[in-house]
Amino acid sequence: MSIRIVPVARGCALLAIALTLAACATSEPAPPQPASLTAATPQQQVAAIRATAGDGEGELAIQPLRDPKVEDLREQASRLESQQHYADAAKALDQALEIVPDDPALLQERAEAALLLGDHGQAETLARHAFETGSKVGPLCRRHWATVEQARLIEGDAAGAATAKAQVDQCTVAGVNRF
């Protein structure tokens, strides 16, 4: 008398596979992502952010002294960006941020690099961090909020984009009158 286990084991394995597939088929579909509220390319978005800063003529803007190595990395990132080597530009900025992790200008430049790479979530996070660590007025402040606005537009968040846009106006403060 011989016992045949193989067909039973095979049948159990097939049943387990069938039940697994059935469970996958009945799972809820992922909720649809909100549609982007902008048709701008990442390059156009970054250009708009930088244009929002304006020339800063006649207003208060704080410019810290820079470490020469950090300046070299920033210039390298700028060159790489102009050559459309966005990932390499981001790496150069990451190296600079290792030296001065809370530099608002560097954080902003890295946020813009994140937008160019299509990572709007990181762009918004970096821009908000830059705002928190930096001056609450001036051209850089406007760039922070313009970046948040662009990220919210990509996310399909009209209310968040409008709130960020309103913050841009709060960043303008006239310079000191010198008689």
C-alpha atoms as a PDB file:
ATOM      1  CA  MET A   1       0.000   0.000   0.000  1.00  0.00           C
ATOM      2  CA  SER A   2       1.527   3.290  -1.076  1.00  0.00           C
ATOM      3  CA  ILE A   3       0.257   6.705  -0.136  1.00  0.00           C
ATOM      4  CA  ARG A   4       0.164   9.373  -2.826  1.00  0.00           C
ATOM      5  CA  ILE A   5       0.829  12.753  -1.229  1.00  0.00           C
ATOM      6  CA  VAL A   6       2.083  14.564  -4.305  1.00  0.00           C
ATOM      7  CA  PRO A   7      -1.286  15.220  -5.973  1.00  0.00           C
ATOM      8  CA  VAL A   8      -2.763  16.482  -2.693  1.00  0.00           C
ATOM      9  CA  ALA A   9       0.204  18.795  -2.067  1.00  0.00           C
ATOM     10  CA  ARG A  10       0.039  20.075  -5.625  1.00  0.00           C
ATOM     11  CA  GLY A  11      -3.684  20.682  -5.251  1.00  0.00           C
ATOM     12  CA  CYS A  12      -3.127  22.642  -2.023  1.00  0.00           C
ATOM     13  CA  ALA A  13      -0.443  24.754  -3.657  1.00  0.00           C
ATOM     14  CA  LEU A  14      -2.743  25.529  -6.588  1.00  0.00           C
ATOM     15  CA  LEU A  15      -5.554  26.396  -4.207  1.00  0.00           C
ATOM     16  CA  ALA A  16      -3.259  28.741  -2.246  1.00  0.00           C
ATOM     17  CA  ILE A  17      -2.165  30.483  -5.446  1.00  0.00           C
ATOM     18  CA  ALA A  18      -5.759  30.833  -6.600  1.00  0.00           C
ATOM     19  CA  LEU A  19      -6.822  32.334  -3.253  1.00  0.00           C
ATOM     20  CA  THR A  20      -3.905  34.782  -3.343  1.00  0.00           C
ATOM     21  CA  LEU A  21      -4.792  35.915  -6.846  1.00  0.00           C
ATOM     22  CA  ALA A  22      -8.436  36.259  -5.878  1.00  0.00           C
ATOM     23  CA  ALA A  23      -7.487  38.433  -2.905  1.00  0.00           C
ATOM     24  CA  CYS A  24      -5.427  40.672  -5.174  1.00  0.00           C
ATOM     25  CA  ALA A  25      -8.272  40.995  -7.648  1.00  0.00           C
ATOM     26  CA  THR A  26     -10.760  42.129  -4.998  1.00  0.00           C
ATOM     27  CA  SER A  27      -8.535  44.749  -3.397  1.00  0.00           C
ATOM     28  CA  GLU A  28      -9.636  48.366  -3.680  1.00  0.00           C
ATOM     29  CA  PRO A  29      -8.082  50.343  -6.511  1.00  0.00           C
ATOM     30  CA  ALA A  30      -5.778  53.176  -5.524  1.00  0.00           C
ATOM     31  CA  PRO A  31      -7.579  56.509  -5.277  1.00  0.00           C
ATOM     32  CA  PRO A  32      -6.957  58.709  -8.305  1.00  0.00           C
ATOM     33  CA  GLN A  33      -4.264  61.345  -7.919  1.00  0.00           C
ATOM     34  CA  PRO A  34      -5.486  64.931  -8.249  1.00  0.00           C
ATOM     35  CA  ALA A  35      -4.699  66.422 -11.619  1.00  0.00           C
ATOM     36  CA  SER A  36      -1.880  68.927 -11.811  1.00  0.00           C
ATOM     37  CA  LEU A  37      -3.053  72.529 -12.024  1.00  0.00           C
ATOM     38  CA  THR A  38      -0.121  73.593 -14.186  1.00  0.00           C
ATOM     39  CA  ALA A  39       1.093  72.669 -17.633  1.00  0.00           C
ATOM     40  CA  ALA A  40       4.457  74.352 -17.041  1.00  0.00           C
ATOM     41  CA  THR A  41       7.590  72.284 -17.468  1.00  0.00           C
ATOM     42  CA  PRO A  42       9.957  72.011 -14.507  1.00  0.00           C
ATOM     43  CA  GLN A  43      12.297  74.443 -16.272  1.00  0.00           C
ATOM     44  CA  GLN A  44       9.450  76.950 -16.681  1.00  0.00           C
ATOM     45  CA  GLN A  45       8.490  76.520 -13.041  1.00  0.00           C
ATOM     46  CA  VAL A  46      12.026  77.240 -11.853  1.00  0.00           C
ATOM     47  CA  ALA A  47      12.243  80.267 -14.160  1.00  0.00           C
ATOM     48  CA  ALA A  48       8.968  81.570 -12.679  1.00  0.00           C
ATOM     49  CA  ILE A  49      10.277  81.031  -9.139  1.00  0.00           C
ATOM     50  CA  ARG A  50      13.457  82.942  -9.877  1.00  0.00           C
ATOM     51  CA  ALA A  51      11.498  85.725 -11.585  1.00  0.00           C
ATOM     52  CA  THR A  52       9.338  86.066  -8.459  1.00  0.00           C
ATOM     53  CA  ALA A  53      12.444  87.050  -6.509  1.00  0.00           C
ATOM     54  CA  GLY A  54      12.814  90.162  -8.649  1.00  0.00           C
ATOM     55  CA  ASP A  55      15.950  92.234  -8.590  1.00  0.00           C
ATOM     56  CA  GLY A  56      15.629  93.149  -4.910  1.00  0.00           C
ATOM     57  CA  GLU A  57      16.235  96.803  -5.782  1.00  0.00           C
ATOM     58  CA  GLY A  58      15.329  99.069  -2.877  1.00  0.00           C
ATOM     59  CA  GLU A  59      14.486  96.351  -0.390  1.00  0.00           C
ATOM     60  CA  LEU A  60      16.135  94.699   2.537  1.00  0.00           C
ATOM     61  CA  ALA A  61      18.061  91.527   1.646  1.00  0.00           C
ATOM     62  CA  ILE A  62      20.532  89.764   3.898  1.00  0.00           C
ATOM     63  CA  GLN A  63      23.591  88.201   2.235  1.00  0.00           C
ATOM     64  CA  PRO A  64      25.778  86.065   4.522  1.00  0.00           C
ATOM     65  CA  LEU A  65      29.483  85.508   4.006  1.00  0.00           C
ATOM     66  CA  ARG A  66      30.122  82.274   2.127  1.00  0.00           C
ATOM     67  CA  ASP A  67      32.644  79.491   2.605  1.00  0.00           C
ATOM     68  CA  PRO A  68      34.830  79.348  -0.550  1.00  0.00           C
ATOM     69  CA  LYS A  69      34.284  75.588  -0.936  1.00  0.00           C
ATOM     70  CA  VAL A  70      30.528  76.089  -0.725  1.00  0.00           C
ATOM     71  CA  GLU A  71      30.719  78.863  -3.320  1.00  0.00           C
ATOM     72  CA  ASP A  72      32.664  76.558  -5.647  1.00  0.00           C
ATOM     73  CA  LEU A  73      30.007  73.857  -5.270  1.00  0.00           C
ATOM     74  CA  ARG A  74      27.215  76.379  -5.913  1.00  0.00           C
ATOM     75  CA  GLU A  75      28.951  77.587  -9.070  1.00  0.00           C
ATOM     76  CA  GLN A  76      29.486  73.988 -10.169  1.00  0.00           C
ATOM     77  CA  ALA A  77      25.790  73.265  -9.615  1.00  0.00           C
ATOM     78  CA  SER A  78      24.846  76.341 -11.627  1.00  0.00           C
ATOM     79  CA  ARG A  79      27.046  75.252 -14.535  1.00  0.00           C
ATOM     80  CA  LEU A  80      25.656  71.722 -14.428  1.00  0.00           C
ATOM     81  CA  GLU A  81      22.088  73.025 -14.358  1.00  0.00           C
ATOM     82  CA  SER A  82      22.750  75.239 -17.381  1.00  0.00           C
ATOM     83  CA  GLN A  83      23.954  72.074 -19.177  1.00  0.00           C
ATOM     84  CA  GLN A  84      20.748  70.288 -18.061  1.00  0.00           C
ATOM     85  CA  HIS A  85      22.672  67.863 -15.841  1.00  0.00           C
ATOM     86  CA  TYR A  86      20.133  68.263 -13.071  1.00  0.00           C
ATOM     87  CA  ALA A  87      21.026  65.183 -11.027  1.00  0.00           C
ATOM     88  CA  ASP A  88      24.704  66.191 -10.962  1.00  0.00           C
ATOM     89  CA  ALA A  89      23.744  69.745 -10.004  1.00  0.00           C
ATOM     90  CA  ALA A  90      21.662  68.357  -7.136  1.00  0.00           C
ATOM     91  CA  LYS A  91      24.622  66.240  -5.979  1.00  0.00           C
ATOM     92  CA  ALA A  92      26.881  69.303  -5.921  1.00  0.00           C
ATOM     93  CA  LEU A  93      24.303  71.156  -3.838  1.00  0.00           C
ATOM     94  CA  ASP A  94      23.970  68.156  -1.517  1.00  0.00           C
ATOM     95  CA  GLN A  95      27.742  68.298  -0.957  1.00  0.00           C
ATOM     96  CA  ALA A  96      27.485  71.993  -0.132  1.00  0.00           C
ATOM     97  CA  LEU A  97      24.629  71.261   2.283  1.00  0.00           C
ATOM     98  CA  GLU A  98      26.854  68.772   4.089  1.00  0.00           C
ATOM     99  CA  ILE A  99      29.137  71.711   4.891  1.00  0.00           C
ATOM    100  CA  VAL A 100      26.382  74.203   5.828  1.00  0.00           C
ATOM    101  CA  PRO A 101      23.157  72.214   6.312  1.00  0.00           C
ATOM    102  CA  ASP A 102      20.871  75.104   7.256  1.00  0.00           C
ATOM    103  CA  ASP A 103      21.906  77.683   4.660  1.00  0.00           C
ATOM    104  CA  PRO A 104      18.592  79.034   3.339  1.00  0.00           C
ATOM    105  CA  ALA A 105      19.990  79.994  -0.078  1.00  0.00           C
ATOM    106  CA  LEU A 106      21.500  76.532  -0.564  1.00  0.00           C
ATOM    107  CA  LEU A 107      18.305  74.869   0.602  1.00  0.00           C
ATOM    108  CA  GLN A 108      16.359  76.985  -1.881  1.00  0.00           C
ATOM    109  CA  GLU A 109      18.724  76.139  -4.729  1.00  0.00           C
ATOM    110  CA  ARG A 110      18.399  72.465  -3.829  1.00  0.00           C
ATOM    111  CA  ALA A 111      14.596  72.825  -3.750  1.00  0.00           C
ATOM    112  CA  GLU A 112      14.696  74.214  -7.277  1.00  0.00           C
ATOM    113  CA  ALA A 113      16.968  71.338  -8.340  1.00  0.00           C
ATOM    114  CA  ALA A 114      14.407  68.931  -6.872  1.00  0.00           C
ATOM    115  CA  LEU A 115      11.709  70.539  -9.032  1.00  0.00           C
ATOM    116  CA  LEU A 116      13.916  70.131 -12.096  1.00  0.00           C
ATOM    117  CA  LEU A 117      14.234  66.444 -11.194  1.00  0.00           C
ATOM    118  CA  GLY A 118      10.462  66.093 -10.840  1.00  0.00           C
ATOM    119  CA  ASP A 119      10.539  65.633  -7.057  1.00  0.00           C
ATOM    120  CA  HIS A 120       8.015  68.293  -6.056  1.00  0.00           C
ATOM    121  CA  GLY A 121       7.493  66.793  -2.596  1.00  0.00           C
ATOM    122  CA  GLN A 122      11.149  67.263  -1.727  1.00  0.00           C
ATOM    123  CA  ALA A 123      11.123  70.695  -3.362  1.00  0.00           C
ATOM    124  CA  GLU A 124       8.332  71.841  -1.062  1.00  0.00           C
ATOM    125  CA  THR A 125       9.966  70.330   2.020  1.00  0.00           C
ATOM    126  CA  LEU A 126      13.287  72.019   1.264  1.00  0.00           C
ATOM    127  CA  ALA A 127      11.662  75.382   0.500  1.00  0.00           C
ATOM    128  CA  ARG A 128       9.704  75.322   3.753  1.00  0.00           C
ATOM    129  CA  HIS A 129      12.852  74.387   5.689  1.00  0.00           C
ATOM    130  CA  ALA A 130      14.729  77.219   3.957  1.00  0.00           C
ATOM    131  CA  PHE A 131      12.006  79.667   4.981  1.00  0.00           C
ATOM    132  CA  GLU A 132      12.098  78.462   8.593  1.00  0.00           C
ATOM    133  CA  THR A 133      15.882  78.821   8.844  1.00  0.00           C
ATOM    134  CA  GLY A 134      16.230  82.040   6.865  1.00  0.00           C
ATOM    135  CA  SER A 135      15.043  85.581   6.647  1.00  0.00           C
ATOM    136  CA  LYS A 136      11.292  86.027   6.464  1.00  0.00           C
ATOM    137  CA  VAL A 137      11.614  88.888   3.980  1.00  0.00           C
ATOM    138  CA  GLY A 138      13.295  89.657   0.692  1.00  0.00           C
ATOM    139  CA  PRO A 139      13.891  87.944  -2.642  1.00  0.00           C
ATOM    140  CA  LEU A 140      14.890  84.603  -1.142  1.00  0.00           C
ATOM    141  CA  CYS A 141      11.719  84.514   0.938  1.00  0.00           C
ATOM    142  CA  ARG A 142       9.669  85.050  -2.233  1.00  0.00           C
ATOM    143  CA  ARG A 143      11.499  82.174  -3.928  1.00  0.00           C
ATOM    144  CA  HIS A 144      10.693  79.880  -0.984  1.00  0.00           C
ATOM    145  CA  TRP A 145       6.977  80.551  -1.227  1.00  0.00           C
ATOM    146  CA  ALA A 146       6.948  80.503  -5.028  1.00  0.00           C
ATOM    147  CA  THR A 147       8.480  77.028  -4.821  1.00  0.00           C
ATOM    148  CA  VAL A 148       5.773  75.899  -2.403  1.00  0.00           C
ATOM    149  CA  GLU A 149       3.174  77.375  -4.761  1.00  0.00           C
ATOM    150  CA  GLN A 150       4.578  75.437  -7.739  1.00  0.00           C
ATOM    151  CA  ALA A 151       4.690  72.198  -5.746  1.00  0.00           C
ATOM    152  CA  ARG A 152       1.074  72.663  -4.639  1.00  0.00           C
ATOM    153  CA  LEU A 153       0.018  73.335  -8.241  1.00  0.00           C
ATOM    154  CA  ILE A 154       1.647  70.083  -9.350  1.00  0.00           C
ATOM    155  CA  GLU A 155      -0.191  68.284  -6.543  1.00  0.00           C
ATOM    156  CA  GLY A 156      -3.513  69.726  -7.721  1.00  0.00           C
ATOM    157  CA  ASP A 157      -3.940  71.690  -4.477  1.00  0.00           C
ATOM    158  CA  ALA A 158      -5.461  75.020  -5.532  1.00  0.00           C
ATOM    159  CA  ALA A 159      -6.035  76.209  -1.961  1.00  0.00           C
ATOM    160  CA  GLY A 160      -2.463  75.410  -0.916  1.00  0.00           C
ATOM    161  CA  ALA A 161      -1.103  77.152  -4.012  1.00  0.00           C
ATOM    162  CA  ALA A 162      -3.209  80.250  -3.296  1.00  0.00           C
ATOM    163  CA  THR A 163      -2.012  80.342   0.314  1.00  0.00           C
ATOM    164  CA  ALA A 164       1.616  80.103  -0.799  1.00  0.00           C
ATOM    165  CA  LYS A 165       1.081  82.813  -3.415  1.00  0.00           C
ATOM    166  CA  ALA A 166      -0.336  85.098  -0.714  1.00  0.00           C
ATOM    167  CA  GLN A 167       2.802  84.485   1.370  1.00  0.00           C
ATOM    168  CA  VAL A 168       4.984  85.739  -1.497  1.00  0.00           C
ATOM    169  CA  ASP A 169       3.556  89.247  -1.024  1.00  0.00           C
ATOM    170  CA  GLN A 170       4.338  89.150   2.703  1.00  0.00           C
ATOM    171  CA  CYS A 171       8.050  88.797   1.894  1.00  0.00           C
ATOM    172  CA  THR A 172       8.495  92.294   0.450  1.00  0.00           C
ATOM    173  CA  VAL A 173       9.808  94.898   2.889  1.00  0.00           C
ATOM    174  CA  ALA A 174      11.189  98.233   1.796  1.00  0.00           C
ATOM    175  CA  GLY A 175      14.828  98.943   2.523  1.00  0.00           C
ATOM    176  CA  VAL A 176      15.988 101.509   5.044  1.00  0.00           C
ATOM    177  CA  ASN A 177      15.792 105.135   3.889  1.00  0.00           C
ATOM    178  CA  ARG A 178      19.213 106.741   4.047  1.00  0.00           C
ATOM    179  CA  PHE A 179      19.185 110.481   4.015  1.00  0.00           C
END
